[in-house]
Protein backbone atom coordinates (compact mmCIF):
# COMPACT_ATOMS: atom_id res chain seq x y z
CA MET A 1 73.45 36.89 82.71
CA SER A 2 75.24 33.77 84.04
CA GLY A 3 78.04 32.06 82.14
CA THR A 4 75.85 29.07 81.33
CA THR A 5 73.01 31.25 80.10
CA ALA A 6 75.37 33.36 78.01
CA ALA A 7 76.93 30.27 76.49
CA ALA A 8 73.48 28.89 75.65
CA ALA A 9 72.54 32.19 74.01
CA LEU A 10 75.70 32.16 71.92
CA ARG A 11 75.02 28.58 70.89
CA ARG A 12 71.53 29.58 69.79
CA ARG A 13 73.08 32.36 67.73
CA ALA A 14 75.53 29.89 66.25
CA ALA A 15 72.61 27.65 65.33
CA GLY A 16 71.59 30.29 62.83
CA ALA A 17 74.98 30.46 61.17
CA GLY A 18 74.76 30.31 57.43
CA ALA A 19 73.30 32.49 54.73
CA ASN A 20 69.72 32.46 56.05
CA ARG A 21 67.48 30.33 58.24
CA TRP A 22 65.20 29.68 55.27
CA VAL A 23 68.15 28.28 53.33
CA VAL A 24 68.84 26.06 56.34
CA LEU A 25 65.21 24.90 56.18
CA VAL A 26 65.68 23.84 52.55
CA VAL A 27 68.72 21.74 53.45
CA LEU A 28 66.88 20.16 56.39
CA CYS A 29 63.96 19.30 54.14
CA VAL A 30 66.31 17.51 51.73
CA SER A 31 67.62 15.57 54.73
CA LEU A 32 64.09 14.61 55.70
CA LEU A 33 63.30 13.57 52.14
CA LEU A 34 66.15 11.06 52.29
CA VAL A 35 64.62 9.29 55.30
CA ALA A 36 60.97 9.66 54.29
CA VAL A 37 61.49 8.07 50.89
CA ASP A 38 63.19 5.04 52.43
CA ALA A 39 60.42 4.60 54.98
CA THR A 40 57.82 3.96 52.25
CA VAL A 41 59.73 2.90 49.16
CA LEU A 42 59.80 -0.74 50.30
CA HIS A 43 56.04 -1.06 50.74
CA VAL A 44 55.25 -1.65 47.07
CA ALA A 45 58.28 -3.95 46.77
CA VAL A 46 57.14 -6.39 49.47
CA PRO A 47 55.55 -8.84 46.99
CA ALA A 48 58.68 -8.80 44.79
CA VAL A 49 60.97 -9.31 47.81
CA THR A 50 58.76 -12.18 48.98
CA GLU A 51 58.91 -13.86 45.58
CA ASP A 52 62.69 -13.51 45.24
CA LEU A 53 64.04 -14.10 48.76
CA ARG A 54 61.22 -16.36 50.05
CA PRO A 55 61.28 -15.03 53.63
CA GLY A 56 59.16 -16.66 56.32
CA ALA A 57 56.28 -14.80 57.93
CA ILE A 58 58.43 -13.52 60.81
CA GLU A 59 61.33 -12.65 58.48
CA LEU A 60 58.96 -10.65 56.28
CA LEU A 61 57.76 -8.72 59.31
CA TRP A 62 61.36 -8.02 60.30
CA ILE A 63 62.24 -6.85 56.77
CA VAL A 64 59.49 -4.26 57.02
CA ASP A 65 59.78 -3.44 60.73
CA THR A 66 63.52 -3.49 61.42
CA TYR A 67 64.08 -0.02 59.98
CA PRO A 68 61.44 1.80 62.09
CA LEU A 69 62.17 -0.23 65.22
CA VAL A 70 65.95 0.27 65.18
CA CYS A 71 65.37 3.91 64.36
CA ALA A 72 62.90 4.30 67.24
CA SER A 73 65.25 2.58 69.69
CA LEU A 74 68.22 4.82 68.90
CA LEU A 75 66.58 8.21 68.38
CA ILE A 76 67.00 9.22 72.03
CA LEU A 77 70.63 8.14 71.98
CA PHE A 78 71.55 10.10 68.87
CA GLY A 79 69.26 13.04 69.65
CA THR A 80 71.02 13.64 72.95
CA LEU A 81 74.41 12.88 71.39
CA GLY A 82 73.75 15.69 68.92
CA ASP A 83 73.06 18.04 71.81
CA LYS A 84 76.47 17.08 73.25
CA VAL A 85 78.84 16.91 70.26
CA GLY A 86 76.98 18.86 67.57
CA ARG A 87 73.81 18.20 65.61
CA ARG A 88 75.32 18.80 62.19
CA ARG A 89 78.14 16.35 62.93
CA VAL A 90 75.70 13.58 63.82
CA LEU A 91 73.55 14.45 60.80
CA LEU A 92 76.45 14.13 58.35
CA LEU A 93 77.54 10.81 59.86
CA GLY A 94 73.97 9.62 59.38
CA TYR A 95 74.15 10.52 55.69
CA ALA A 96 77.27 8.43 55.20
CA LEU A 97 75.88 5.38 57.03
CA PHE A 98 72.60 5.67 55.14
CA GLY A 99 74.41 5.46 51.81
CA VAL A 100 76.50 2.42 52.78
CA ALA A 101 73.49 0.55 54.22
CA SER A 102 71.44 1.31 51.09
CA ALA A 103 74.05 -0.36 48.89
CA LEU A 104 74.10 -3.40 51.17
CA ALA A 105 70.30 -3.68 51.08
CA ALA A 106 70.13 -3.35 47.31
CA PHE A 107 72.37 -6.38 46.74
CA ALA A 108 71.23 -8.52 49.70
CA PRO A 109 71.40 -12.21 48.66
CA ASN A 110 68.95 -13.41 51.32
CA ALA A 111 66.42 -12.23 53.90
CA GLN A 112 68.95 -12.19 56.75
CA VAL A 113 71.31 -9.78 54.99
CA LEU A 114 68.38 -7.56 54.00
CA ILE A 115 67.23 -7.43 57.63
CA LEU A 116 70.77 -6.46 58.69
CA ALA A 117 70.90 -3.73 56.05
CA ARG A 118 67.51 -2.41 57.12
CA GLY A 119 68.83 -2.27 60.68
CA LEU A 120 71.81 -0.18 59.57
CA LEU A 121 69.43 2.09 57.68
CA GLY A 122 67.54 2.49 60.96
CA VAL A 123 70.75 3.57 62.69
CA GLY A 124 71.37 6.16 59.96
CA GLY A 125 67.78 7.37 60.16
CA ALA A 126 68.08 7.73 63.94
CA MET A 127 71.07 10.03 63.40
CA ILE A 128 69.29 12.13 60.77
CA MET A 129 65.74 12.61 62.04
CA PRO A 130 66.22 14.28 65.47
CA ALA A 131 69.00 16.45 64.05
CA THR A 132 66.68 17.98 61.45
CA LEU A 133 63.99 18.85 64.01
CA SER A 134 66.40 20.10 66.69
CA ILE A 135 68.25 22.35 64.21
CA LEU A 136 64.87 23.65 63.02
CA ARG A 137 63.91 24.39 66.64
CA GLN A 138 67.13 26.34 67.12
CA VAL A 139 67.08 28.46 63.96
CA PHE A 140 63.36 29.34 64.29
CA PRO A 141 62.93 30.54 67.90
CA ASP A 142 59.86 32.62 67.01
CA ARG A 143 56.78 30.39 67.21
CA ARG A 144 54.96 31.91 64.24
CA GLU A 145 57.93 31.38 61.93
CA ARG A 146 58.56 27.96 63.45
CA ALA A 147 54.97 26.91 62.75
CA LEU A 148 55.42 27.86 59.10
CA ALA A 149 58.76 26.02 58.97
CA ILE A 150 57.22 22.89 60.52
CA GLY A 151 54.46 23.10 57.93
CA VAL A 152 57.00 23.10 55.10
CA TRP A 153 58.97 20.35 56.87
CA SER A 154 55.90 18.13 57.23
CA ALA A 155 54.82 18.82 53.64
CA VAL A 156 58.20 17.55 52.49
CA ALA A 157 57.69 14.46 54.63
CA ALA A 158 54.43 13.93 52.76
CA VAL A 159 56.24 14.35 49.45
CA GLY A 160 58.71 11.69 50.53
CA ALA A 161 55.89 9.38 51.52
CA ALA A 162 54.39 9.84 48.05
CA VAL A 163 57.62 9.66 46.11
CA GLY A 164 58.56 6.42 47.90
CA PRO A 165 55.76 4.15 46.57
CA LEU A 166 55.65 5.93 43.21
CA LEU A 167 59.40 5.73 42.68
CA GLY A 168 59.45 2.19 43.99
CA GLY A 169 56.69 1.22 41.57
CA PHE A 170 58.51 2.80 38.63
CA LEU A 171 61.78 1.05 39.51
CA LEU A 172 60.04 -2.31 39.93
CA GLU A 173 58.53 -1.92 36.47
CA HIS A 174 62.01 -1.61 34.93
CA PHE A 175 64.53 -3.12 37.36
CA TRP A 176 64.75 -5.58 40.25
CA TRP A 177 63.54 -4.86 43.77
CA GLY A 178 67.01 -3.83 45.01
CA ALA A 179 66.81 -0.69 42.89
CA VAL A 180 64.41 0.83 45.44
CA PHE A 181 67.36 1.15 47.84
CA LEU A 182 69.87 2.45 45.30
CA VAL A 183 67.83 5.64 44.97
CA ASN A 184 69.12 6.68 48.41
CA ILE A 185 72.73 6.88 47.23
CA PRO A 186 72.36 9.90 44.87
CA LEU A 187 70.41 11.76 47.56
CA MET A 188 73.16 11.04 50.07
CA LEU A 189 75.90 12.12 47.66
CA VAL A 190 74.14 15.48 47.25
CA SER A 191 73.14 15.95 50.90
CA LEU A 192 76.56 15.22 52.41
CA PRO A 193 78.59 18.04 50.79
CA VAL A 194 75.69 20.52 50.73
CA GLY A 195 74.95 19.91 54.40
CA ARG A 196 78.61 20.33 55.31
CA LEU A 197 78.74 23.70 53.52
CA LEU A 198 75.40 25.24 54.50
CA LEU A 199 74.19 23.75 57.78
CA PRO A 200 75.18 25.51 61.00
CA GLU A 201 76.61 23.58 63.91
CA SER A 202 74.80 23.81 67.23
CA THR A 203 74.81 22.10 70.60
CA GLY A 204 72.73 22.14 73.77
CA GLU A 205 73.84 22.96 77.29
CA GLY A 206 76.50 20.24 77.27
CA GLU A 207 76.39 19.72 81.07
CA GLY A 208 76.84 16.36 82.76
CA PRO A 209 77.92 12.97 81.42
CA TRP A 210 76.14 11.27 78.57
CA ASP A 211 74.05 8.37 79.93
CA VAL A 212 74.96 5.59 77.50
CA VAL A 213 73.71 2.91 79.91
CA GLY A 214 70.29 4.57 80.00
CA ALA A 215 70.17 4.76 76.21
CA LEU A 216 70.99 1.06 75.91
CA MET A 217 68.33 0.20 78.50
CA ALA A 218 65.72 2.14 76.52
CA ALA A 219 66.79 0.50 73.24
CA ALA A 220 66.69 -3.01 74.71
CA GLY A 221 63.36 -2.33 76.39
CA LEU A 222 61.74 -1.07 73.20
CA PHE A 223 63.07 -4.00 71.23
CA GLY A 224 61.79 -6.50 73.77
CA VAL A 225 58.28 -5.07 73.85
CA VAL A 226 57.95 -4.71 70.09
CA PHE A 227 59.50 -8.12 69.37
CA GLY A 228 56.82 -9.73 71.53
CA VAL A 229 54.08 -7.78 69.80
CA LYS A 230 55.56 -8.70 66.42
CA ARG A 231 55.36 -12.40 67.30
CA LEU A 232 51.70 -11.90 68.10
CA GLY A 233 51.34 -10.15 64.76
CA GLY A 234 52.96 -13.13 63.05
CA GLY A 235 50.34 -15.46 64.50
CA GLU A 236 52.38 -16.92 67.40
CA GLY A 237 50.56 -18.01 70.54
CA ALA A 238 50.11 -15.49 73.34
CA GLY A 239 51.31 -18.10 75.85
CA SER A 240 54.56 -18.81 74.03
CA VAL A 241 57.73 -18.26 76.07
CA LEU A 242 59.34 -16.50 73.10
CA THR A 243 56.43 -14.07 73.12
CA LEU A 244 55.94 -13.44 76.83
CA LEU A 245 59.60 -13.29 77.85
CA PRO A 246 60.58 -10.41 75.52
CA LEU A 247 57.40 -8.52 76.43
CA LEU A 248 57.99 -8.76 80.16
CA THR A 249 61.74 -8.12 79.92
CA GLY A 250 61.20 -5.10 77.72
CA ALA A 251 58.55 -3.66 80.02
CA VAL A 252 60.81 -4.09 83.06
CA LEU A 253 63.73 -2.41 81.28
CA LEU A 254 61.58 0.56 80.28
CA VAL A 255 60.35 0.97 83.86
CA LEU A 256 63.94 0.84 85.12
CA PHE A 257 64.95 3.37 82.47
CA VAL A 258 62.28 5.82 83.65
CA ARG A 259 63.35 5.39 87.29
CA ARG A 260 67.02 5.86 86.36
CA GLN A 261 66.29 9.11 84.53
CA GLY A 262 64.30 10.40 87.51
CA ARG A 263 67.25 9.83 89.89
CA ARG A 264 70.06 11.25 87.73
CA ARG A 265 71.21 14.84 88.14
CA HIS A 266 71.82 15.08 84.39
CA PRO A 267 69.32 12.66 82.83
CA LEU A 268 69.50 11.47 79.26
CA VAL A 269 65.85 12.50 78.88
CA ASP A 270 64.44 15.25 81.08
CA LEU A 271 61.21 13.59 82.18
CA ARG A 272 60.01 16.88 83.66
CA MET A 273 58.94 17.82 80.14
CA PHE A 274 56.18 15.20 80.43
CA ALA A 275 54.75 17.10 83.39
CA ARG A 276 53.65 19.74 80.89
CA PRO A 277 50.19 18.67 79.63
CA ALA A 278 50.77 20.04 76.13
CA PHE A 279 54.03 18.10 75.73
CA SER A 280 52.81 14.75 77.08
CA THR A 281 49.51 15.00 75.22
CA SER A 282 51.26 15.83 71.95
CA VAL A 283 53.51 12.79 72.30
CA GLY A 284 50.50 10.58 73.01
CA CYS A 285 48.66 11.94 69.98
CA ILE A 286 51.63 11.18 67.72
CA VAL A 287 51.80 7.60 69.00
CA LEU A 288 48.06 7.01 68.56
CA ALA A 289 47.95 8.53 65.08
CA MET A 290 50.76 6.32 63.82
CA LEU A 291 49.55 3.29 65.76
CA ALA A 292 46.19 3.51 64.02
CA LEU A 293 47.37 4.29 60.52
CA VAL A 294 50.81 3.10 59.52
CA GLY A 295 49.79 -0.55 59.32
CA LEU A 296 46.96 0.44 57.01
CA GLU A 297 49.41 1.81 54.46
CA LEU A 298 51.12 -1.56 54.16
CA ILE A 299 47.79 -3.41 54.11
CA ALA A 300 46.43 -0.97 51.52
CA ALA A 301 49.43 -1.59 49.26
CA GLN A 302 48.77 -5.34 49.45
CA TYR A 303 45.05 -4.75 48.80
CA LEU A 304 45.74 -2.68 45.71
CA GLN A 305 48.24 -5.17 44.28
CA LEU A 306 46.97 -8.59 45.37
CA VAL A 307 43.20 -8.02 45.48
CA LEU A 308 42.69 -5.43 42.74
CA GLY A 309 45.63 -6.71 40.66
CA LEU A 310 47.31 -3.32 40.16
CA SER A 311 50.97 -3.09 39.22
CA PRO A 312 53.46 -1.54 41.68
CA LEU A 313 53.51 1.67 39.62
CA GLN A 314 49.71 1.83 39.52
CA THR A 315 49.68 1.27 43.29
CA GLY A 316 52.01 4.21 43.82
CA LEU A 317 49.79 6.41 41.64
CA ARG A 318 46.69 5.39 43.59
CA LEU A 319 48.35 6.49 46.86
CA LEU A 320 49.40 9.84 45.37
CA PRO A 321 46.18 11.75 46.27
CA LEU A 322 46.75 10.88 49.94
CA THR A 323 50.11 12.60 49.81
CA PHE A 324 48.94 15.66 47.91
CA ALA A 325 46.24 16.14 50.57
CA ALA A 326 48.87 15.79 53.30
CA MET A 327 51.07 18.37 51.56
CA ALA A 328 48.15 20.81 51.43
CA ALA A 329 47.47 20.32 55.15
CA GLY A 330 51.14 20.89 55.97
CA LEU A 331 51.30 24.13 54.00
CA LEU A 332 48.05 25.37 55.55
CA GLY A 333 48.98 24.15 59.01
CA ALA A 334 50.43 27.39 60.39
CA ARG A 335 47.34 29.36 59.35
CA MET A 336 44.95 26.75 60.78
CA LEU A 337 46.92 26.63 64.04
CA ARG A 338 46.69 30.39 64.52
CA ARG A 339 42.96 30.42 63.73
CA PHE A 340 41.73 27.32 65.57
CA GLY A 341 44.43 26.61 68.17
CA PRO A 342 46.14 23.28 68.94
CA ARG A 343 43.16 21.66 70.70
CA ARG A 344 40.58 22.09 67.96
CA MET A 345 43.10 21.48 65.18
CA VAL A 346 44.39 18.14 66.47
CA CYS A 347 40.95 16.96 67.60
CA ALA A 348 39.42 17.80 64.21
CA GLY A 349 42.30 16.07 62.44
CA PHE A 350 41.67 12.86 64.39
CA CYS A 351 37.92 12.98 63.69
CA LEU A 352 38.44 13.66 59.97
CA THR A 353 40.91 10.77 59.72
CA ALA A 354 38.52 8.43 61.55
CA ALA A 355 35.76 9.42 59.11
CA ALA A 356 38.07 8.63 56.19
CA VAL A 357 38.94 5.22 57.65
CA VAL A 358 35.26 4.36 58.14
CA THR A 359 34.56 5.46 54.56
CA LEU A 360 37.19 3.02 53.29
CA THR A 361 35.34 0.10 54.88
CA ALA A 362 33.16 0.18 51.75
CA MET A 363 36.10 -1.23 49.77
CA GLY A 364 35.39 -4.64 48.27
CA GLY A 365 36.85 -7.11 45.81
CA ALA A 366 36.22 -4.79 42.86
CA ASP A 367 38.01 -1.54 42.07
CA ASP A 368 36.07 1.56 43.18
CA PHE A 369 38.25 4.49 42.15
CA PRO A 370 35.99 7.36 43.39
CA LEU A 371 35.68 5.74 46.82
CA LEU A 372 39.45 5.21 47.14
CA LEU A 373 40.14 8.75 45.95
CA ALA A 374 37.76 10.32 48.49
CA GLY A 375 39.00 8.11 51.31
CA PHE A 376 42.69 8.72 50.63
CA VAL A 377 42.25 12.50 50.30
CA LEU A 378 40.41 12.72 53.63
CA LEU A 379 42.95 10.39 55.20
CA GLY A 380 45.95 12.42 54.07
CA PHE A 381 44.52 15.79 55.07
CA GLY A 382 43.28 14.57 58.45
CA LEU A 383 46.46 12.74 59.39
CA GLU A 384 48.75 15.61 58.47
CA THR A 385 46.55 18.08 60.35
CA THR A 386 46.85 15.89 63.44
CA LEU A 387 50.59 15.38 63.22
CA PHE A 388 51.32 19.03 62.43
CA GLY A 389 49.44 20.30 65.47
CA ALA A 390 50.98 17.67 67.74
CA TYR A 391 54.57 18.24 66.56
CA GLU A 392 54.29 22.01 66.77
CA SER A 393 52.90 21.90 70.30
CA MET A 394 55.54 19.41 71.43
CA LEU A 395 58.50 21.39 70.07
CA SER A 396 57.15 24.69 71.38
CA GLU A 397 56.80 23.29 74.90
CA ALA A 398 60.41 22.04 74.99
CA PRO A 399 63.23 24.41 76.01
CA ALA A 400 65.51 25.38 73.11
CA GLU A 401 68.60 23.93 74.83
CA GLN A 402 66.85 20.53 75.00
CA ALA A 403 65.78 20.56 71.36
CA GLY A 404 67.65 17.38 70.50
CA GLY A 405 66.08 15.38 73.31
CA ALA A 406 62.60 16.74 72.57
CA ALA A 407 62.95 16.02 68.85
CA ALA A 408 64.16 12.51 69.68
CA ILE A 409 61.12 11.93 71.91
CA GLY A 410 58.80 13.08 69.13
CA GLU A 411 60.47 10.94 66.49
CA THR A 412 60.63 7.97 68.88
CA SER A 413 56.90 8.33 69.40
CA TYR A 414 56.36 8.43 65.64
CA GLN A 415 58.56 5.44 64.86
CA LEU A 416 57.42 3.41 67.86
CA GLY A 417 53.80 4.03 66.99
CA ALA A 418 54.55 2.98 63.42
CA GLY A 419 56.36 -0.21 64.41
CA ILE A 420 53.80 -1.33 66.98
CA GLY A 421 50.99 -0.29 64.65
CA ILE A 422 52.15 -2.68 61.95
CA ALA A 423 52.43 -5.51 64.47
CA LEU A 424 49.16 -4.72 66.26
CA LEU A 425 47.09 -4.23 63.13
CA GLY A 426 48.80 -7.28 61.65
CA THR A 427 47.51 -9.26 64.62
CA VAL A 428 43.99 -7.96 64.04
CA MET A 429 44.29 -8.66 60.33
CA ASN A 430 45.47 -12.24 60.85
CA ALA A 431 42.78 -12.93 63.44
CA ALA A 432 40.08 -11.81 61.00
CA TYR A 433 41.70 -13.37 57.91
CA LYS A 434 42.41 -16.95 59.04
CA PRO A 435 38.87 -18.15 59.94
CA GLY A 436 37.66 -17.67 56.37
CA LEU A 437 40.15 -20.27 55.15
CA ALA A 438 39.48 -22.90 57.80
CA ASP A 439 37.08 -24.96 55.69
CA VAL A 440 37.23 -24.27 51.95
CA PRO A 441 35.35 -26.94 49.93
CA GLY A 442 37.67 -29.20 47.97
CA VAL A 443 40.86 -27.79 49.56
CA PRO A 444 43.00 -30.03 51.84
CA ARG A 445 43.31 -28.85 55.44
CA GLU A 446 47.11 -28.62 55.13
CA ALA A 447 46.78 -26.30 52.14
CA SER A 448 44.24 -24.13 53.98
CA GLY A 449 46.59 -23.86 56.95
CA ALA A 450 49.48 -22.70 54.77
CA ALA A 451 47.21 -20.23 52.97
CA GLY A 452 46.23 -18.72 56.33
CA HIS A 453 49.67 -17.14 56.83
CA SER A 454 49.17 -14.37 54.25
CA LEU A 455 47.32 -13.55 51.05
CA GLY A 456 50.54 -13.93 49.03
CA GLU A 457 51.08 -17.46 50.38
CA ALA A 458 47.44 -18.29 49.69
CA TYR A 459 47.93 -17.36 46.04
CA ASP A 460 51.06 -19.53 45.87
CA VAL A 461 49.21 -22.52 47.38
CA ALA A 462 46.27 -21.96 45.00
CA ALA A 463 48.64 -21.95 42.02
CA ARG A 464 50.15 -25.27 43.14
CA LEU A 465 46.72 -26.84 43.65
CA GLY A 466 45.35 -25.66 40.33
CA GLY A 467 41.92 -26.53 38.95
CA THR A 468 38.69 -25.95 40.84
CA ALA A 469 40.33 -26.30 44.27
CA GLY A 470 42.90 -23.61 43.42
CA ASP A 471 40.21 -21.22 42.18
CA ALA A 472 38.12 -21.82 45.30
CA LEU A 473 41.10 -21.16 47.60
CA ARG A 474 42.07 -17.99 45.72
CA SER A 475 38.52 -16.63 45.91
CA ALA A 476 38.16 -17.50 49.60
CA ALA A 477 41.53 -15.93 50.44
CA ARG A 478 40.63 -12.72 48.61
CA ASP A 479 37.27 -12.46 50.37
CA SER A 480 38.87 -13.19 53.75
CA PHE A 481 41.52 -10.53 53.18
CA VAL A 482 38.87 -7.91 52.37
CA HIS A 483 36.94 -8.91 55.50
CA GLY A 484 40.10 -8.66 57.59
CA LEU A 485 40.81 -5.24 56.11
CA HIS A 486 37.36 -4.03 57.12
CA VAL A 487 37.84 -5.21 60.71
CA THR A 488 41.27 -3.58 60.83
CA LEU A 489 39.86 -0.30 59.57
CA LEU A 490 37.20 -0.27 62.29
CA VAL A 491 39.82 -0.93 64.99
CA SER A 492 41.89 1.94 63.59
CA ALA A 493 38.87 4.24 63.65
CA GLY A 494 38.38 3.45 67.34
CA LEU A 495 42.01 4.32 68.10
CA LEU A 496 41.66 7.59 66.19
CA LEU A 497 38.56 8.60 68.15
CA LEU A 498 40.48 7.85 71.34
CA GLY A 499 43.14 10.25 70.07
CA ALA A 500 40.48 12.93 69.52
CA VAL A 501 39.47 12.63 73.17
CA MET A 502 43.11 12.82 74.26
CA ALA A 503 43.62 15.99 72.19
CA LEU A 504 41.12 17.83 74.42
CA ARG A 505 43.99 18.30 76.92
CA LEU A 506 45.93 20.50 74.48
CA PRO A 507 45.89 24.32 74.87
CA ARG A 508 42.89 26.06 73.41
CA VAL A 509 44.87 28.86 71.75
CA MET A 510 48.35 29.22 70.28
CA GLN A 511 50.72 31.23 72.47
CA CYS A 512 52.99 33.24 70.17
CA GLY A 513 54.91 35.59 72.42
CA GLU A 514 57.27 33.31 74.29
CA SER A 515 60.28 33.87 72.07
CA GLU A 516 61.85 36.53 69.95
CA PRO A 517 63.65 35.95 66.67
CA VAL A 518 67.39 35.50 66.98
CA GLU A 519 69.73 37.58 64.87
CA LEU A 520 71.77 35.32 62.65
CA PRO A 521 75.47 36.19 62.62
CA ALA A 522 77.75 35.61 59.67
CA PRO A 523 79.23 32.09 59.57
CA ARG A 524 82.79 32.99 60.61
CA GLU A 525 81.69 35.31 63.40
CA ALA A 526 79.26 32.70 64.68
CA GLU A 527 81.90 30.02 64.68
CA ARG A 528 84.32 32.24 66.59
CA SER A 529 81.59 33.03 69.12
CA ARG A 530 80.80 29.33 69.59
CA VAL A 531 84.47 28.42 70.06
CA THR A 532 85.03 31.29 72.47
CA ALA A 533 81.96 30.28 74.48
């Protein structure tokens, strides 16, 4: 055994340091809960933030999107940094930054400060997310156990997605909107000392310099592309210089980043992983799943509150069945993967989710609880089935010593798909929503134009108009929003079916014999081994 191989083996042993790998899984799940709650807790607070801070259309998009976009841009940087200097170290720094940024967001006096705070939260999330997955990959080298661990991990992510809107709704019922960020601070105060005591430290191969220039190129490229798409989502013209220039610049930077990684002896991201069909297909499936669905969650929250008139707490409760179904799929994921294999599991998940989305096109201006319940349950189960199979295949295809980079690629795909999905589906929504307000009887053209920005603005304009004209504008805006939602759902269903076709490239069966479980040494012995290596 060579020195490098021996050192890598010792590092994998050190990755299991601690009382037990299942205890490590519990700590990692708490870490994930911290990020998952923050990703969704703001959704039900958007109307309250809009009323208090009065952000413009683009500022509102940035308030929602800055967190996932900053996180997506920096995941590769911090994922590979964790491989170099230690995944636990990066994870704990992420906790601290997350707590500070949460306090700043909670007391933001204006939209600009809130956007800045959301950006800092994205930096903290980028430090936390790849560390949890890469540590999980290290401490569960056996694929059967790892599949079960990923199922628990993804179920916790679903819990966080459910707790976010529900907790946000409860806090908005009793406090101001900033309270939805303060909830992160107690979680951070618990996670920081517990993680320091129980989580093992682990690193990758540690060879070659760290390509900071490449990481910055990727971050700038992603920001440029998504900023341009976001302007399209905000209703800006496709021929605008401020739309085309970021799109083209970002695309060029991403192409240069790929070429740079291909030429370097020690690349930031080993692009050879994409030559493996299972890895590249899994990444594509993650992007398509989030691209099709994450915008719908935000639109659904607005539908439930602004069209059906539900309170934030009632909105959170309505979204709860979706999360319970996702939890069930996560806990059953390992069994389904062994029985059906990655190809059939991911393909069926896409088809089930598309069926749920088409079912929800029956939503109208009146509350239909059975329809929403059935649609959300199918949506949650199908989406989690898809993501579980894709994540498990992606992590299993990546070498253990490149766990941080692979986890960062997966989380980048997730966050990038989420960010672009909001912008893309927002573009579709606006395109379908505006025409219905172009000529409302008795409403001045200027008022109709202002109402075309969003349903919330339409309600504000209708309140200022008052009388018959205000009622007519409110009714037209509500009908147009429902029509736009239907069009958006159909576009999402098409993207999901495209994902089902893509999933046919995944392996037919689950290969379980490529790795043996690693004996977990006692903490002190493991630390001495790691230092000696």
